[in-house]
Amino acid sequence: MLRIEIPSDGSSKLTFNELEKYTIPTPPNGFNSEVNNKVVINFDDEQQAIDYAHELDAYSNSVNSDWPEYRIAADIIKAIGDDEFVQAYIQN
């Protein structure tokens, strides 16, 4: 199990309550909320996280870059790419 927390200090200022307002593609295991309203995504493994990041990248290319959905997708993609386990997986 891979757990990735999406920082709330990114360009989207993402919180779980804010996320629920938009139709961002849902990861395989869904979105979860921490007590502090931060968004957490659980993946079965690193490959699943990478696949979801690719899905979000395609989605972000389909929306206007001025929209909140674009910034939310970018923050999630960045959090996945910055994860140390995902990075190690990519390097191997």
PDB file of N, CA and C in Angstrom:
ATOM      1  N   MET A   1       0.847  -1.177   0.000  1.00  0.00           N
ATOM      2  CA  MET A   1       0.000   0.000   0.000  1.00  0.00           C
ATOM      3  C   MET A   1       0.890   1.237   0.000  1.00  0.00           C
ATOM      4  N   LEU A   2       0.554   2.173  -0.856  1.00  0.00           N
ATOM      5  CA  LEU A   2       1.277   3.433  -0.976  1.00  0.00           C
ATOM      6  C   LEU A   2       0.320   4.558  -0.607  1.00  0.00           C
ATOM      7  N   ARG A   3       0.735   5.385   0.322  1.00  0.00           N
ATOM      8  CA  ARG A   3      -0.101   6.491   0.807  1.00  0.00           C
ATOM      9  C   ARG A   3       0.557   7.805   0.411  1.00  0.00           C
ATOM     10  N   ILE A   4      -0.187   8.647  -0.316  1.00  0.00           N
ATOM     11  CA  ILE A   4       0.335   9.937  -0.741  1.00  0.00           C
ATOM     12  C   ILE A   4      -0.589  11.035  -0.236  1.00  0.00           C
ATOM     13  N   GLU A   5      -0.018  11.959   0.527  1.00  0.00           N
ATOM     14  CA  GLU A   5      -0.774  13.107   1.030  1.00  0.00           C
ATOM     15  C   GLU A   5      -0.540  14.275   0.084  1.00  0.00           C
ATOM     16  N   ILE A   6      -1.608  14.942  -0.303  1.00  0.00           N
ATOM     17  CA  ILE A   6      -1.512  16.084  -1.205  1.00  0.00           C
ATOM     18  C   ILE A   6      -1.357  17.345  -0.351  1.00  0.00           C
ATOM     19  N   PRO A   7      -0.245  18.048  -0.491  1.00  0.00           N
ATOM     20  CA  PRO A   7      -0.036  19.249   0.322  1.00  0.00           C
ATOM     21  C   PRO A   7      -1.115  20.302   0.056  1.00  0.00           C
ATOM     22  N   SER A   8      -1.555  20.951   1.119  1.00  0.00           N
ATOM     23  CA  SER A   8      -2.579  21.984   0.962  1.00  0.00           C
ATOM     24  C   SER A   8      -1.964  23.345   0.684  1.00  0.00           C
ATOM     25  N   ASP A   9      -0.641  23.409   0.561  1.00  0.00           N
ATOM     26  CA  ASP A   9       0.009  24.690   0.288  1.00  0.00           C
ATOM     27  C   ASP A   9       0.434  24.814  -1.180  1.00  0.00           C
ATOM     28  N   GLY A  10      -0.091  23.930  -2.043  1.00  0.00           N
ATOM     29  CA  GLY A  10       0.205  24.018  -3.472  1.00  0.00           C
ATOM     30  C   GLY A  10      -0.602  25.121  -4.133  1.00  0.00           C
ATOM     31  N   SER A  11      -0.507  25.217  -5.440  1.00  0.00           N
ATOM     32  CA  SER A  11      -1.185  26.300  -6.165  1.00  0.00           C
ATOM     33  C   SER A  11      -2.704  26.228  -6.040  1.00  0.00           C
ATOM     34  N   SER A  12      -3.244  25.029  -5.800  1.00  0.00           N
ATOM     35  CA  SER A  12      -4.703  24.882  -5.688  1.00  0.00           C
ATOM     36  C   SER A  12      -5.217  25.076  -4.261  1.00  0.00           C
ATOM     37  N   LYS A  13      -4.292  25.100  -3.279  1.00  0.00           N
ATOM     38  CA  LYS A  13      -4.695  25.194  -1.853  1.00  0.00           C
ATOM     39  C   LYS A  13      -5.727  24.107  -1.530  1.00  0.00           C
ATOM     40  N   LEU A  14      -5.445  22.904  -2.002  1.00  0.00           N
ATOM     41  CA  LEU A  14      -6.393  21.802  -1.963  1.00  0.00           C
ATOM     42  C   LEU A  14      -6.705  21.314  -0.552  1.00  0.00           C
ATOM     43  N   THR A  15      -7.981  21.198  -0.281  1.00  0.00           N
ATOM     44  CA  THR A  15      -8.486  20.531   0.911  1.00  0.00           C
ATOM     45  C   THR A  15      -9.501  19.495   0.424  1.00  0.00           C
ATOM     46  N   PHE A  16      -9.863  18.581   1.300  1.00  0.00           N
ATOM     47  CA  PHE A  16     -10.836  17.563   0.909  1.00  0.00           C
ATOM     48  C   PHE A  16     -12.172  18.209   0.577  1.00  0.00           C
ATOM     49  N   ASN A  17     -12.594  19.189   1.368  1.00  0.00           N
ATOM     50  CA  ASN A  17     -13.865  19.867   1.096  1.00  0.00           C
ATOM     51  C   ASN A  17     -13.838  20.559  -0.265  1.00  0.00           C
ATOM     52  N   GLU A  18     -12.720  21.167  -0.612  1.00  0.00           N
ATOM     53  CA  GLU A  18     -12.586  21.834  -1.910  1.00  0.00           C
ATOM     54  C   GLU A  18     -12.621  20.806  -3.038  1.00  0.00           C
ATOM     55  N   LEU A  19     -11.947  19.688  -2.851  1.00  0.00           N
ATOM     56  CA  LEU A  19     -11.892  18.637  -3.863  1.00  0.00           C
ATOM     57  C   LEU A  19     -13.286  18.141  -4.226  1.00  0.00           C
ATOM     58  N   GLU A  20     -14.152  18.034  -3.234  1.00  0.00           N
ATOM     59  CA  GLU A  20     -15.498  17.509  -3.466  1.00  0.00           C
ATOM     60  C   GLU A  20     -16.345  18.405  -4.367  1.00  0.00           C
ATOM     61  N   LYS A  21     -15.923  19.639  -4.592  1.00  0.00           N
ATOM     62  CA  LYS A  21     -16.668  20.567  -5.442  1.00  0.00           C
ATOM     63  C   LYS A  21     -16.434  20.314  -6.933  1.00  0.00           C
ATOM     64  N   TYR A  22     -15.418  19.531  -7.267  1.00  0.00           N
ATOM     65  CA  TYR A  22     -15.007  19.366  -8.662  1.00  0.00           C
ATOM     66  C   TYR A  22     -15.075  17.908  -9.095  1.00  0.00           C
ATOM     67  N   THR A  23     -15.062  17.700 -10.392  1.00  0.00           N
ATOM     68  CA  THR A  23     -15.160  16.347 -10.943  1.00  0.00           C
ATOM     69  C   THR A  23     -13.802  15.865 -11.426  1.00  0.00           C
ATOM     70  N   ILE A  24     -12.857  15.849 -10.518  1.00  0.00           N
ATOM     71  CA  ILE A  24     -11.528  15.326 -10.806  1.00  0.00           C
ATOM     72  C   ILE A  24     -11.639  13.806 -10.930  1.00  0.00           C
ATOM     73  N   PRO A  25     -10.984  13.200 -11.946  1.00  0.00           N
ATOM     74  CA  PRO A  25     -11.019  11.735 -12.033  1.00  0.00           C
ATOM     75  C   PRO A  25     -10.592  11.104 -10.697  1.00  0.00           C
ATOM     76  N   THR A  26     -11.344  10.127 -10.285  1.00  0.00           N
ATOM     77  CA  THR A  26     -11.106   9.484  -8.998  1.00  0.00           C
ATOM     78  C   THR A  26     -10.056   8.384  -9.135  1.00  0.00           C
ATOM     79  N   PRO A  27      -9.096   8.338  -8.210  1.00  0.00           N
ATOM     80  CA  PRO A  27      -8.115   7.244  -8.244  1.00  0.00           C
ATOM     81  C   PRO A  27      -8.797   5.918  -7.928  1.00  0.00           C
ATOM     82  N   PRO A  28      -8.150   4.801  -8.259  1.00  0.00           N
ATOM     83  CA  PRO A  28      -8.767   3.486  -8.060  1.00  0.00           C
ATOM     84  C   PRO A  28      -9.312   3.245  -6.646  1.00  0.00           C
ATOM     85  N   ASN A  29      -8.595   3.722  -5.638  1.00  0.00           N
ATOM     86  CA  ASN A  29      -9.031   3.503  -4.260  1.00  0.00           C
ATOM     87  C   ASN A  29      -9.730   4.720  -3.666  1.00  0.00           C
ATOM     88  N   GLY A  30     -10.044   5.695  -4.501  1.00  0.00           N
ATOM     89  CA  GLY A  30     -10.765   6.884  -4.064  1.00  0.00           C
ATOM     90  C   GLY A  30      -9.880   7.878  -3.331  1.00  0.00           C
ATOM     91  N   PHE A  31     -10.493   8.994  -2.978  1.00  0.00           N
ATOM     92  CA  PHE A  31      -9.836  10.026  -2.175  1.00  0.00           C
ATOM     93  C   PHE A  31     -10.233   9.833  -0.720  1.00  0.00           C
ATOM     94  N   ASN A  32      -9.321  10.133   0.189  1.00  0.00           N
ATOM     95  CA  ASN A  32      -9.608  10.074   1.617  1.00  0.00           C
ATOM     96  C   ASN A  32      -9.245  11.409   2.241  1.00  0.00           C
ATOM     97  N   SER A  33      -9.794  11.653   3.423  1.00  0.00           N
ATOM     98  CA  SER A  33      -9.517  12.893   4.128  1.00  0.00           C
ATOM     99  C   SER A  33      -8.844  12.596   5.455  1.00  0.00           C
ATOM    100  N   GLU A  34      -7.871  13.424   5.787  1.00  0.00           N
ATOM    101  CA  GLU A  34      -7.252  13.375   7.104  1.00  0.00           C
ATOM    102  C   GLU A  34      -8.097  14.221   8.058  1.00  0.00           C
ATOM    103  N   VAL A  35      -7.823  14.124   9.334  1.00  0.00           N
ATOM    104  CA  VAL A  35      -8.533  14.908  10.332  1.00  0.00           C
ATOM    105  C   VAL A  35      -8.399  16.403  10.033  1.00  0.00           C
ATOM    106  N   ASN A  36      -7.250  16.812   9.500  1.00  0.00           N
ATOM    107  CA  ASN A  36      -6.993  18.221   9.213  1.00  0.00           C
ATOM    108  C   ASN A  36      -7.529  18.648   7.845  1.00  0.00           C
ATOM    109  N   ASN A  37      -8.370  17.829   7.206  1.00  0.00           N
ATOM    110  CA  ASN A  37      -9.012  18.118   5.928  1.00  0.00           C
ATOM    111  C   ASN A  37      -8.048  18.006   4.741  1.00  0.00           C
ATOM    112  N   LYS A  38      -6.869  17.426   4.964  1.00  0.00           N
ATOM    113  CA  LYS A  38      -5.939  17.206   3.854  1.00  0.00           C
ATOM    114  C   LYS A  38      -6.409  16.002   3.037  1.00  0.00           C
ATOM    115  N   VAL A  39      -6.064  16.035   1.762  1.00  0.00           N
ATOM    116  CA  VAL A  39      -6.430  14.949   0.850  1.00  0.00           C
ATOM    117  C   VAL A  39      -5.335  13.890   0.865  1.00  0.00           C
ATOM    118  N   VAL A  40      -5.748  12.639   0.985  1.00  0.00           N
ATOM    119  CA  VAL A  40      -4.838  11.505   0.969  1.00  0.00           C
ATOM    120  C   VAL A  40      -5.333  10.518  -0.082  1.00  0.00           C
ATOM    121  N   ILE A  41      -4.384   9.985  -0.839  1.00  0.00           N
ATOM    122  CA  ILE A  41      -4.719   8.964  -1.829  1.00  0.00           C
ATOM    123  C   ILE A  41      -3.919   7.712  -1.498  1.00  0.00           C
ATOM    124  N   ASN A  42      -4.607   6.592  -1.432  1.00  0.00           N
ATOM    125  CA  ASN A  42      -3.952   5.304  -1.202  1.00  0.00           C
ATOM    126  C   ASN A  42      -3.940   4.528  -2.515  1.00  0.00           C
ATOM    127  N   PHE A  43      -2.776   4.008  -2.850  1.00  0.00           N
ATOM    128  CA  PHE A  43      -2.614   3.198  -4.046  1.00  0.00           C
ATOM    129  C   PHE A  43      -2.151   1.807  -3.636  1.00  0.00           C
ATOM    130  N   ASP A  44      -2.451   0.819  -4.470  1.00  0.00           N
ATOM    131  CA  ASP A  44      -1.986  -0.540  -4.201  1.00  0.00           C
ATOM    132  C   ASP A  44      -0.469  -0.625  -4.325  1.00  0.00           C
ATOM    133  N   ASP A  45       0.086   0.122  -5.278  1.00  0.00           N
ATOM    134  CA  ASP A  45       1.538   0.112  -5.510  1.00  0.00           C
ATOM    135  C   ASP A  45       1.936   1.353  -6.309  1.00  0.00           C
ATOM    136  N   GLU A  46       3.231   1.474  -6.561  1.00  0.00           N
ATOM    137  CA  GLU A  46       3.765   2.641  -7.268  1.00  0.00           C
ATOM    138  C   GLU A  46       3.262   2.717  -8.709  1.00  0.00           C
ATOM    139  N   GLN A  47       3.142   1.586  -9.366  1.00  0.00           N
ATOM    140  CA  GLN A  47       2.676   1.592 -10.760  1.00  0.00           C
ATOM    141  C   GLN A  47       1.256   2.134 -10.855  1.00  0.00           C
ATOM    142  N   GLN A  48       0.427   1.782  -9.908  1.00  0.00           N
ATOM    143  CA  GLN A  48      -0.944   2.294  -9.905  1.00  0.00           C
ATOM    144  C   GLN A  48      -0.938   3.820  -9.729  1.00  0.00           C
ATOM    145  N   ALA A  49      -0.056   4.332  -8.888  1.00  0.00           N
ATOM    146  CA  ALA A  49       0.061   5.779  -8.690  1.00  0.00           C
ATOM    147  C   ALA A  49       0.523   6.458  -9.978  1.00  0.00           C
ATOM    148  N   ILE A  50       1.500   5.870 -10.650  1.00  0.00           N
ATOM    149  CA  ILE A  50       2.006   6.428 -11.905  1.00  0.00           C
ATOM    150  C   ILE A  50       0.917   6.409 -12.979  1.00  0.00           C
ATOM    151  N   ASP A  51       0.187   5.329 -13.065  1.00  0.00           N
ATOM    152  CA  ASP A  51      -0.907   5.233 -14.038  1.00  0.00           C
ATOM    153  C   ASP A  51      -1.956   6.311 -13.782  1.00  0.00           C
ATOM    154  N   TYR A  52      -2.273   6.536 -12.509  1.00  0.00           N
ATOM    155  CA  TYR A  52      -3.241   7.572 -12.164  1.00  0.00           C
ATOM    156  C   TYR A  52      -2.703   8.960 -12.518  1.00  0.00           C
ATOM    157  N   ALA A  53      -1.418   9.195 -12.282  1.00  0.00           N
ATOM    158  CA  ALA A  53      -0.814  10.479 -12.644  1.00  0.00           C
ATOM    159  C   ALA A  53      -0.922  10.709 -14.152  1.00  0.00           C
ATOM    160  N   HIS A  54      -0.727   9.660 -14.950  1.00  0.00           N
ATOM    161  CA  HIS A  54      -0.872   9.782 -16.403  1.00  0.00           C
ATOM    162  C   HIS A  54      -2.322  10.102 -16.782  1.00  0.00           C
ATOM    163  N   GLU A  55      -3.259   9.462 -16.101  1.00  0.00           N
ATOM    164  CA  GLU A  55      -4.682   9.737 -16.341  1.00  0.00           C
ATOM    165  C   GLU A  55      -5.003  11.199 -16.019  1.00  0.00           C
ATOM    166  N   LEU A  56      -4.478  11.679 -14.887  1.00  0.00           N
ATOM    167  CA  LEU A  56      -4.714  13.075 -14.506  1.00  0.00           C
ATOM    168  C   LEU A  56      -4.050  14.039 -15.474  1.00  0.00           C
ATOM    169  N   ASP A  57      -2.892  13.674 -15.994  1.00  0.00           N
ATOM    170  CA  ASP A  57      -2.217  14.525 -16.964  1.00  0.00           C
ATOM    171  C   ASP A  57      -3.081  14.681 -18.217  1.00  0.00           C
ATOM    172  N   ALA A  58      -3.642  13.603 -18.700  1.00  0.00           N
ATOM    173  CA  ALA A  58      -4.530  13.668 -19.858  1.00  0.00           C
ATOM    174  C   ALA A  58      -5.757  14.522 -19.539  1.00  0.00           C
ATOM    175  N   TYR A  59      -6.299  14.354 -18.338  1.00  0.00           N
ATOM    176  CA  TYR A  59      -7.446  15.161 -17.919  1.00  0.00           C
ATOM    177  C   TYR A  59      -7.080  16.642 -17.878  1.00  0.00           C
ATOM    178  N   SER A  60      -5.927  16.968 -17.316  1.00  0.00           N
ATOM    179  CA  SER A  60      -5.542  18.375 -17.188  1.00  0.00           C
ATOM    180  C   SER A  60      -5.331  19.028 -18.554  1.00  0.00           C
ATOM    181  N   ASN A  61      -4.941  18.222 -19.542  1.00  0.00           N
ATOM    182  CA  ASN A  61      -4.796  18.751 -20.894  1.00  0.00           C
ATOM    183  C   ASN A  61      -6.146  19.037 -21.554  1.00  0.00           C
ATOM    184  N   SER A  62      -7.223  18.536 -20.959  1.00  0.00           N
ATOM    185  CA  SER A  62      -8.550  18.729 -21.536  1.00  0.00           C
ATOM    186  C   SER A  62      -9.315  19.889 -20.892  1.00  0.00           C
ATOM    187  N   VAL A  63      -8.741  20.491 -19.848  1.00  0.00           N
ATOM    188  CA  VAL A  63      -9.426  21.606 -19.186  1.00  0.00           C
ATOM    189  C   VAL A  63      -8.604  22.885 -19.331  1.00  0.00           C
ATOM    190  N   ASN A  64      -9.261  23.994 -19.158  1.00  0.00           N
ATOM    191  CA  ASN A  64      -8.613  25.298 -19.259  1.00  0.00           C
ATOM    192  C   ASN A  64      -7.609  25.475 -18.126  1.00  0.00           C
ATOM    193  N   SER A  65      -6.426  25.976 -18.444  1.00  0.00           N
ATOM    194  CA  SER A  65      -5.379  26.124 -17.424  1.00  0.00           C
ATOM    195  C   SER A  65      -5.716  27.182 -16.375  1.00  0.00           C
ATOM    196  N   ASP A  66      -6.760  27.947 -16.585  1.00  0.00           N
ATOM    197  CA  ASP A  66      -7.204  28.927 -15.588  1.00  0.00           C
ATOM    198  C   ASP A  66      -8.192  28.323 -14.590  1.00  0.00           C
ATOM    199  N   TRP A  67      -8.662  27.121 -14.850  1.00  0.00           N
ATOM    200  CA  TRP A  67      -9.673  26.493 -14.001  1.00  0.00           C
ATOM    201  C   TRP A  67      -9.044  25.867 -12.755  1.00  0.00           C
ATOM    202  N   PRO A  68      -9.786  25.830 -11.664  1.00  0.00           N
ATOM    203  CA  PRO A  68      -9.285  25.172 -10.448  1.00  0.00           C
ATOM    204  C   PRO A  68      -8.948  23.696 -10.674  1.00  0.00           C
ATOM    205  N   GLU A  69      -9.700  23.039 -11.545  1.00  0.00           N
ATOM    206  CA  GLU A  69      -9.450  21.621 -11.816  1.00  0.00           C
ATOM    207  C   GLU A  69      -8.031  21.399 -12.349  1.00  0.00           C
ATOM    208  N   TYR A  70      -7.557  22.322 -13.157  1.00  0.00           N
ATOM    209  CA  TYR A  70      -6.207  22.218 -13.714  1.00  0.00           C
ATOM    210  C   TYR A  70      -5.171  22.288 -12.593  1.00  0.00           C
ATOM    211  N   ARG A  71      -5.336  23.251 -11.694  1.00  0.00           N
ATOM    212  CA  ARG A  71      -4.386  23.407 -10.583  1.00  0.00           C
ATOM    213  C   ARG A  71      -4.462  22.224  -9.614  1.00  0.00           C
ATOM    214  N   ILE A  72      -5.651  21.708  -9.380  1.00  0.00           N
ATOM    215  CA  ILE A  72      -5.807  20.538  -8.506  1.00  0.00           C
ATOM    216  C   ILE A  72      -5.080  19.341  -9.112  1.00  0.00           C
ATOM    217  N   ALA A  73      -5.325  19.085 -10.392  1.00  0.00           N
ATOM    218  CA  ALA A  73      -4.658  17.960 -11.067  1.00  0.00           C
ATOM    219  C   ALA A  73      -3.146  18.126 -11.018  1.00  0.00           C
ATOM    220  N   ALA A  74      -2.669  19.339 -11.247  1.00  0.00           N
ATOM    221  CA  ALA A  74      -1.223  19.587 -11.224  1.00  0.00           C
ATOM    222  C   ALA A  74      -0.636  19.314  -9.841  1.00  0.00           C
ATOM    223  N   ASP A  75      -1.337  19.723  -8.785  1.00  0.00           N
ATOM    224  CA  ASP A  75      -0.847  19.478  -7.424  1.00  0.00           C
ATOM    225  C   ASP A  75      -0.819  17.991  -7.091  1.00  0.00           C
ATOM    226  N   ILE A  76      -1.815  17.255  -7.550  1.00  0.00           N
ATOM    227  CA  ILE A  76      -1.844  15.810  -7.297  1.00  0.00           C
ATOM    228  C   ILE A  76      -0.722  15.114  -8.071  1.00  0.00           C
ATOM    229  N   ILE A  77      -0.552  15.486  -9.330  1.00  0.00           N
ATOM    230  CA  ILE A  77       0.517  14.901 -10.147  1.00  0.00           C
ATOM    231  C   ILE A  77       1.877  15.181  -9.511  1.00  0.00           C
ATOM    232  N   LYS A  78       2.071  16.398  -9.046  1.00  0.00           N
ATOM    233  CA  LYS A  78       3.338  16.768  -8.402  1.00  0.00           C
ATOM    234  C   LYS A  78       3.570  15.942  -7.140  1.00  0.00           C
ATOM    235  N   ALA A  79       2.534  15.778  -6.323  1.00  0.00           N
ATOM    236  CA  ALA A  79       2.678  14.998  -5.088  1.00  0.00           C
ATOM    237  C   ALA A  79       3.051  13.551  -5.397  1.00  0.00           C
ATOM    238  N   ILE A  80       2.452  12.989  -6.434  1.00  0.00           N
ATOM    239  CA  ILE A  80       2.793  11.618  -6.826  1.00  0.00           C
ATOM    240  C   ILE A  80       4.237  11.561  -7.310  1.00  0.00           C
ATOM    241  N   GLY A  81       4.614  12.499  -8.173  1.00  0.00           N
ATOM    242  CA  GLY A  81       5.972  12.518  -8.714  1.00  0.00           C
ATOM    243  C   GLY A  81       7.034  12.777  -7.662  1.00  0.00           C
ATOM    244  N   ASP A  82       6.682  13.519  -6.617  1.00  0.00           N
ATOM    245  CA  ASP A  82       7.633  13.839  -5.548  1.00  0.00           C
ATOM    246  C   ASP A  82       7.768  12.733  -4.502  1.00  0.00           C
ATOM    247  N   ASP A  83       6.855  11.765  -4.525  1.00  0.00           N
ATOM    248  CA  ASP A  83       6.888  10.702  -3.526  1.00  0.00           C
ATOM    249  C   ASP A  83       8.170   9.877  -3.665  1.00  0.00           C
ATOM    250  N   GLU A  84       8.850   9.661  -2.554  1.00  0.00           N
ATOM    251  CA  GLU A  84      10.138   8.961  -2.592  1.00  0.00           C
ATOM    252  C   GLU A  84      10.020   7.522  -3.094  1.00  0.00           C
ATOM    253  N   PHE A  85       8.918   6.850  -2.808  1.00  0.00           N
ATOM    254  CA  PHE A  85       8.747   5.474  -3.267  1.00  0.00           C
ATOM    255  C   PHE A  85       8.485   5.428  -4.772  1.00  0.00           C
ATOM    256  N   VAL A  86       7.714   6.390  -5.273  1.00  0.00           N
ATOM    257  CA  VAL A  86       7.466   6.477  -6.709  1.00  0.00           C
ATOM    258  C   VAL A  86       8.766   6.787  -7.433  1.00  0.00           C
ATOM    259  N   GLN A  87       9.554   7.712  -6.891  1.00  0.00           N
ATOM    260  CA  GLN A  87      10.834   8.048  -7.505  1.00  0.00           C
ATOM    261  C   GLN A  87      11.772   6.843  -7.560  1.00  0.00           C
ATOM    262  N   ALA A  88      11.842   6.094  -6.463  1.00  0.00           N
ATOM    263  CA  ALA A  88      12.700   4.896  -6.417  1.00  0.00           C
ATOM    264  C   ALA A  88      12.206   3.855  -7.437  1.00  0.00           C
ATOM    265  N   TYR A  89      10.902   3.711  -7.549  1.00  0.00           N
ATOM    266  CA  TYR A  89      10.330   2.767  -8.491  1.00  0.00           C
ATOM    267  C   TYR A  89      10.694   3.147  -9.928  1.00  0.00           C
ATOM    268  N   ILE A  90      10.595   4.425 -10.247  1.00  0.00           N
ATOM    269  CA  ILE A  90      10.921   4.909 -11.591  1.00  0.00           C
ATOM    270  C   ILE A  90      12.399   4.681 -11.908  1.00  0.00           C
ATOM    271  N   GLN A  91      13.254   4.896 -10.916  1.00  0.00           N
ATOM    272  CA  GLN A  91      14.692   4.754 -11.131  1.00  0.00           C
ATOM    273  C   GLN A  91      15.110   3.301 -11.330  1.00  0.00           C
ATOM    274  N   ASN A  92      14.320   2.378 -10.819  1.00  0.00           N
ATOM    275  CA  ASN A  92      14.648   0.955 -10.973  1.00  0.00           C
ATOM    276  C   ASN A  92      14.018   0.466 -12.212  1.00  0.00           C
TER     277      ASN A  92
END
